[in-house]
N, C-alpha and C. Protein backbone atom coordinates (compact mmCIF):
# COMPACT_ATOMS: atom_id res chain seq x y z
N UNK A 1 108.06 126.56 115.55
CA UNK A 1 106.42 125.45 114.81
C UNK A 1 106.34 124.62 115.81
N UNK A 2 105.02 124.59 116.01
CA UNK A 2 104.22 123.77 117.18
C UNK A 2 103.57 122.83 116.39
N UNK A 3 103.53 121.60 116.68
CA UNK A 3 102.82 120.33 116.03
C UNK A 3 102.20 119.57 117.10
N UNK A 4 100.66 119.59 116.54
CA UNK A 4 99.85 119.27 117.49
C UNK A 4 99.26 117.74 117.14
N UNK A 5 99.31 116.51 117.88
CA UNK A 5 99.06 115.27 117.33
C UNK A 5 97.41 115.33 117.58
N UNK A 6 96.56 115.17 116.37
CA UNK A 6 95.23 114.99 116.74
C UNK A 6 94.66 113.45 117.04
N UNK A 7 94.98 113.00 116.16
CA UNK A 7 94.24 111.42 116.03
C UNK A 7 94.92 110.61 114.94
N UNK A 8 94.88 109.32 115.14
CA UNK A 8 95.25 108.46 114.08
C UNK A 8 94.04 107.52 113.50
N UNK A 9 94.03 107.03 112.13
CA UNK A 9 93.06 106.17 111.72
C UNK A 9 93.99 105.15 110.75
N UNK A 10 93.42 103.91 110.57
CA UNK A 10 93.70 102.87 109.83
C UNK A 10 92.99 102.72 108.50
N UNK A 11 93.93 102.81 107.62
CA UNK A 11 93.14 102.66 106.39
C UNK A 11 93.96 101.41 105.79
N UNK A 12 93.16 100.09 104.92
CA UNK A 12 93.97 99.11 104.44
C UNK A 12 94.88 98.54 105.33
N UNK A 13 94.75 98.39 106.91
CA UNK A 13 95.53 98.05 107.73
C UNK A 13 96.91 98.65 108.00
N UNK A 14 96.89 99.91 107.66
CA UNK A 14 97.81 100.56 108.03
C UNK A 14 97.64 102.02 108.36
N UNK A 15 98.34 102.44 109.45
CA UNK A 15 97.92 103.49 110.26
C UNK A 15 98.44 104.92 109.69
N UNK A 16 97.46 105.87 110.02
CA UNK A 16 97.63 107.27 109.50
C UNK A 16 97.45 107.94 110.63
N UNK A 17 98.64 109.03 110.97
CA UNK A 17 98.65 109.79 111.63
C UNK A 17 98.28 111.30 111.35
N UNK A 18 97.54 111.95 112.34
CA UNK A 18 96.96 113.24 111.53
C UNK A 18 97.63 114.38 112.63
N UNK A 19 98.04 115.27 111.88
CA UNK A 19 98.71 116.38 112.98
C UNK A 19 98.30 117.67 112.46
N UNK A 20 98.19 118.68 113.40
CA UNK A 20 97.98 120.34 112.93
C UNK A 20 99.36 121.00 113.45
N UNK A 21 99.99 121.68 112.35
CA UNK A 21 101.20 122.55 112.41
C UNK A 21 100.77 123.96 112.57
N UNK A 22 101.34 124.76 113.10
CA UNK A 22 101.03 125.94 113.29
C UNK A 22 102.19 126.60 113.64
N UNK A 23 102.60 128.22 112.89
CA UNK A 23 103.69 129.11 113.24
C UNK A 23 103.26 130.14 113.04
N UNK A 24 104.18 130.82 114.15
CA UNK A 24 103.63 132.31 114.40
C UNK A 24 105.01 133.01 113.42
N UNK A 25 104.45 133.92 112.52
CA UNK A 25 105.73 134.54 111.93
C UNK A 25 105.33 136.22 112.10
N UNK A 26 106.00 136.67 111.53
CA UNK A 26 105.61 138.23 111.93
C UNK A 26 104.73 138.86 110.64
N UNK A 27 104.31 137.85 109.81
CA UNK A 27 103.34 138.20 108.91
C UNK A 27 101.88 137.65 109.47
N UNK A 28 101.84 137.06 110.41
CA UNK A 28 100.51 136.43 111.28
C UNK A 28 100.43 134.83 111.21
N UNK A 29 99.71 134.32 111.72
CA UNK A 29 99.68 132.82 111.83
C UNK A 29 99.32 132.00 110.80
N UNK A 30 100.31 131.28 110.64
CA UNK A 30 100.12 130.05 109.60
C UNK A 30 99.92 128.83 110.02
N UNK A 31 99.01 128.16 109.40
CA UNK A 31 98.59 126.70 109.73
C UNK A 31 98.14 125.82 108.92
N UNK A 32 98.40 124.48 109.05
CA UNK A 32 97.98 123.41 108.01
C UNK A 32 97.94 122.37 108.72
N UNK A 33 97.23 121.10 108.16
CA UNK A 33 96.89 119.82 108.47
C UNK A 33 98.33 119.22 107.79
N UNK A 34 98.70 118.07 108.59
CA UNK A 34 99.65 117.19 107.94
C UNK A 34 99.27 115.92 108.07
N UNK A 35 99.27 114.92 107.48
CA UNK A 35 99.12 113.53 107.58
C UNK A 35 100.14 112.67 107.47
N UNK A 36 100.80 111.93 108.36
CA UNK A 36 102.05 111.00 108.14
C UNK A 36 101.74 109.45 107.62
N UNK A 37 102.06 109.20 106.58
CA UNK A 37 101.64 107.81 106.07
C UNK A 37 102.62 106.91 106.60
N UNK A 38 102.17 105.70 106.46
CA UNK A 38 103.08 104.52 107.04
C UNK A 38 104.20 104.40 106.32
N UNK A 39 105.36 103.87 106.87
CA UNK A 39 106.70 103.73 106.16
C UNK A 39 106.41 102.64 104.82
N UNK A 40 107.20 102.68 103.86
CA UNK A 40 107.16 101.78 102.39
C UNK A 40 108.39 100.55 102.95
N UNK A 41 108.48 100.03 101.88
CA UNK A 41 109.33 98.82 102.09
C UNK A 41 110.87 99.56 102.68
N UNK A 42 111.20 100.70 102.02
CA UNK A 42 112.88 101.12 102.43
C UNK A 42 112.53 102.06 103.88
N UNK A 43 111.57 101.96 104.35
CA UNK A 43 111.54 102.72 105.68
C UNK A 43 111.14 104.22 105.80
N UNK A 44 110.84 104.64 104.33
CA UNK A 44 110.61 106.08 104.31
C UNK A 44 109.11 106.57 104.65
N UNK A 45 108.69 107.27 105.43
CA UNK A 45 107.19 108.02 105.28
C UNK A 45 107.38 109.03 104.62
N UNK A 46 105.80 109.54 104.34
CA UNK A 46 105.60 110.48 103.27
C UNK A 46 104.34 111.36 104.26
N UNK A 47 104.17 112.45 103.54
CA UNK A 47 103.12 113.22 103.94
C UNK A 47 101.83 113.63 103.18
N UNK A 48 100.83 113.83 103.61
CA UNK A 48 99.70 114.36 102.63
C UNK A 48 98.92 115.72 103.45
N UNK A 49 99.15 116.44 102.43
CA UNK A 49 98.87 117.89 102.61
C UNK A 49 97.86 118.27 101.88
N UNK A 50 97.24 119.33 101.96
CA UNK A 50 96.03 119.93 101.48
C UNK A 50 96.45 121.06 100.66
N UNK A 51 95.85 121.47 99.42
CA UNK A 51 95.86 122.74 98.83
C UNK A 51 94.40 122.89 98.38
N UNK A 52 93.85 124.25 98.88
CA UNK A 52 92.48 124.56 98.87
C UNK A 52 91.66 123.25 99.13
N UNK A 53 91.65 122.65 100.13
CA UNK A 53 91.03 121.38 100.26
C UNK A 53 91.12 120.00 99.55
N UNK A 54 92.19 120.09 98.76
CA UNK A 54 92.45 119.14 97.88
C UNK A 54 93.62 118.21 98.34
N UNK A 55 93.43 117.00 98.84
CA UNK A 55 94.62 116.19 99.16
C UNK A 55 95.80 116.04 98.19
N UNK A 56 96.81 116.18 98.74
CA UNK A 56 97.97 115.36 97.82
C UNK A 56 99.28 115.01 98.61
N UNK A 57 100.01 114.22 98.02
CA UNK A 57 101.13 113.85 98.37
C UNK A 57 102.60 114.22 98.20
N UNK A 58 103.54 114.06 98.79
CA UNK A 58 104.85 114.95 98.51
C UNK A 58 105.60 113.99 97.52
N UNK A 59 105.77 112.72 97.89
CA UNK A 59 106.94 112.31 97.43
C UNK A 59 106.61 111.00 96.73
N UNK A 60 105.46 110.14 96.84
CA UNK A 60 104.99 109.00 96.11
C UNK A 60 103.68 109.21 96.07
N UNK A 61 102.94 107.96 95.53
CA UNK A 61 101.75 107.84 95.08
C UNK A 61 100.98 107.24 96.20
N UNK A 62 99.87 107.76 96.46
CA UNK A 62 98.76 107.24 97.37
C UNK A 62 97.43 107.00 96.60
N UNK A 63 96.58 105.95 96.80
CA UNK A 63 95.31 105.75 96.09
C UNK A 63 94.91 107.08 96.57
N UNK A 64 93.73 107.25 95.40
CA UNK A 64 92.80 108.53 95.51
C UNK A 64 91.83 108.17 96.74
N UNK A 65 91.30 106.97 96.87
CA UNK A 65 90.50 106.38 97.87
C UNK A 65 91.04 106.81 99.65
N UNK A 66 92.39 106.59 99.77
CA UNK A 66 92.73 106.85 100.82
C UNK A 66 93.04 108.24 101.27
N UNK A 67 93.41 109.21 99.78
CA UNK A 67 93.06 110.65 100.02
C UNK A 67 91.91 110.99 100.45
N UNK A 68 90.74 110.77 99.81
CA UNK A 68 89.51 110.61 100.04
C UNK A 68 89.15 110.69 101.43
N UNK A 69 89.70 109.54 101.95
CA UNK A 69 89.10 108.90 103.34
C UNK A 69 89.89 109.64 104.06
N UNK A 70 91.20 110.07 104.19
CA UNK A 70 91.81 110.98 104.84
C UNK A 70 91.08 112.50 104.98
N UNK A 71 90.55 112.94 104.13
CA UNK A 71 90.08 114.50 104.19
C UNK A 71 88.42 113.90 104.74
N UNK A 72 87.89 112.95 104.45
CA UNK A 72 86.49 112.88 105.22
C UNK A 72 86.94 112.69 106.82
N UNK A 73 88.02 112.02 107.17
CA UNK A 73 88.14 111.84 108.62
C UNK A 73 88.44 113.27 109.31
N UNK A 74 89.21 114.00 108.57
CA UNK A 74 89.42 115.30 109.33
C UNK A 74 87.90 115.96 109.30
N UNK A 75 87.13 116.21 108.42
CA UNK A 75 85.93 116.68 108.41
C UNK A 75 85.11 115.91 109.43
N UNK A 76 84.99 114.86 109.69
CA UNK A 76 84.41 114.09 110.58
C UNK A 76 84.45 114.55 112.03
N UNK A 77 85.88 114.66 112.33
CA UNK A 77 86.48 115.17 113.69
C UNK A 77 86.28 116.76 113.62
N UNK A 78 85.80 117.53 112.93
CA UNK A 78 85.47 118.90 113.15
C UNK A 78 86.46 119.82 112.42
N UNK A 79 87.27 119.15 111.79
CA UNK A 79 88.47 120.23 111.21
C UNK A 79 88.30 120.24 109.71
N UNK A 80 88.73 121.79 109.29
CA UNK A 80 88.24 122.01 108.06
C UNK A 80 89.82 121.97 107.17
N UNK A 81 90.01 121.15 106.42
CA UNK A 81 91.39 121.11 105.55
C UNK A 81 91.38 122.21 104.83
């Protein structure tokens, strides 16, 4: 799997890092966007992924305005989640 760092943005004083992951399988090329969230008080990060253009988190709650802002930041840079 190849991971490409795209850019980072700060929301509410915390830095979110944007990545594009791609994997070549025998069924074809599979790619997706992943946004790494800042660490919480226990030191764990989370990922924001997209399901048909709708952002969601894997393990913990992230405010809707941050999810929407992350999606808008990807679109602003020319990427379609």
